[in-house]
């Protein structure tokens, strides 16, 4: 698990929208032994936060409650570990 700064930046034509806030990241996974030197396993991760303040072309403003920008991502992956 980690807590840190999560940021967002989007540029469309000549409009730059950006912001940052505190975010959370958490991952969990498990490895299954296939042989004494090979392991495989799934991993699930979540990263998320919410922008409450933003900047458009350098001008900062507070986002209203119904327009806060949610930044969430769920990842699913698989890995292989080879023990040498």
Protein backbone atom coordinates (compact mmCIF):
# COMPACT_ATOMS: atom_id res chain seq x y z
CA UNK A 1 0.00 0.00 0.00
CA UNK A 2 1.09 3.55 -0.62
CA UNK A 3 -0.29 7.02 -0.01
CA UNK A 4 1.09 9.88 -2.07
CA UNK A 5 0.37 12.55 -4.63
CA UNK A 6 -1.84 11.64 -7.57
CA UNK A 7 -1.89 14.10 -10.44
CA UNK A 8 -3.75 14.61 -13.69
CA UNK A 9 -2.94 16.63 -16.82
CA UNK A 10 -4.91 16.94 -20.04
CA UNK A 11 -4.19 19.20 -23.01
CA UNK A 12 -6.76 19.77 -25.74
CA UNK A 13 -5.90 22.33 -28.41
CA UNK A 14 -4.65 25.28 -26.34
CA UNK A 15 -6.47 24.41 -23.07
CA UNK A 16 -4.40 22.81 -20.28
CA UNK A 17 -6.37 21.18 -17.44
CA UNK A 18 -4.35 19.91 -14.47
CA UNK A 19 -4.63 19.13 -10.78
CA UNK A 20 -3.28 16.96 -7.98
CA UNK A 21 -4.35 15.63 -4.58
CA UNK A 22 -3.61 12.81 -2.15
CA UNK A 23 -4.05 9.35 -3.66
CA UNK A 24 -3.95 5.72 -2.58
CA UNK A 25 -2.38 2.71 -4.30
CA UNK A 26 -2.83 -0.89 -3.15
CA UNK A 27 -1.73 -4.17 -4.75
CA UNK A 28 -2.15 -7.80 -3.78
CA UNK A 29 -0.89 -10.91 -5.48
CA UNK A 30 -0.02 -14.55 -4.96
CA UNK A 31 2.57 -16.86 -6.54
CA UNK A 32 1.93 -20.57 -7.21
CA UNK A 33 4.89 -22.95 -7.38
CA UNK A 34 4.99 -24.82 -10.70
CA UNK A 35 8.44 -26.28 -10.07
CA UNK A 36 11.16 -25.52 -7.49
CA UNK A 37 12.42 -22.66 -9.67
CA UNK A 38 9.28 -21.40 -11.51
CA UNK A 39 6.33 -19.57 -9.97
CA UNK A 40 3.28 -17.98 -11.62
CA UNK A 41 0.50 -15.91 -10.15
CA UNK A 42 -2.16 -13.22 -10.45
CA UNK A 43 -2.01 -9.68 -9.11
CA UNK A 44 -4.78 -7.10 -8.60
CA UNK A 45 -4.07 -3.41 -8.03
CA UNK A 46 -6.07 -0.28 -7.34
CA UNK A 47 -5.00 3.35 -7.66
CA UNK A 48 -7.40 6.16 -6.83
CA UNK A 49 -7.96 9.71 -5.75
CA UNK A 50 -10.22 12.70 -6.34
CA UNK A 51 -9.35 16.16 -7.65
CA UNK A 52 -11.03 18.89 -5.61
CA UNK A 53 -8.98 21.77 -7.05
CA UNK A 54 -7.86 22.22 -10.63
CA UNK A 55 -6.11 24.64 -12.95
CA UNK A 56 -7.20 25.65 -16.42
CA UNK A 57 -4.43 27.46 -18.27
CA UNK A 58 -2.81 28.39 -14.95
CA UNK A 59 -5.95 29.77 -13.26
CA UNK A 60 -6.77 27.73 -10.12
CA UNK A 61 -10.32 27.06 -8.93
CA UNK A 62 -12.23 24.73 -6.58
CA UNK A 63 -14.41 22.12 -8.25
CA UNK A 64 -18.05 21.99 -7.10
CA UNK A 65 -19.15 18.76 -5.35
CA UNK A 66 -21.00 17.48 -8.43
CA UNK A 67 -18.01 18.14 -10.74
CA UNK A 68 -15.07 16.70 -8.78
CA UNK A 69 -12.76 14.68 -10.99
CA UNK A 70 -12.45 11.03 -9.90
CA UNK A 71 -9.17 9.34 -10.80
CA UNK A 72 -9.50 5.58 -10.34
CA UNK A 73 -7.76 2.64 -12.00
CA UNK A 74 -8.07 -1.09 -11.43
CA UNK A 75 -5.38 -3.37 -12.88
CA UNK A 76 -5.29 -7.13 -13.21
CA UNK A 77 -2.05 -8.83 -14.21
CA UNK A 78 -0.17 -12.12 -14.13
CA UNK A 79 3.49 -12.68 -13.45
CA UNK A 80 6.17 -15.32 -13.76
CA UNK A 81 9.14 -15.60 -11.40
CA UNK A 82 12.18 -17.71 -12.27
CA UNK A 83 14.51 -18.51 -9.41
CA UNK A 84 18.10 -18.88 -10.62
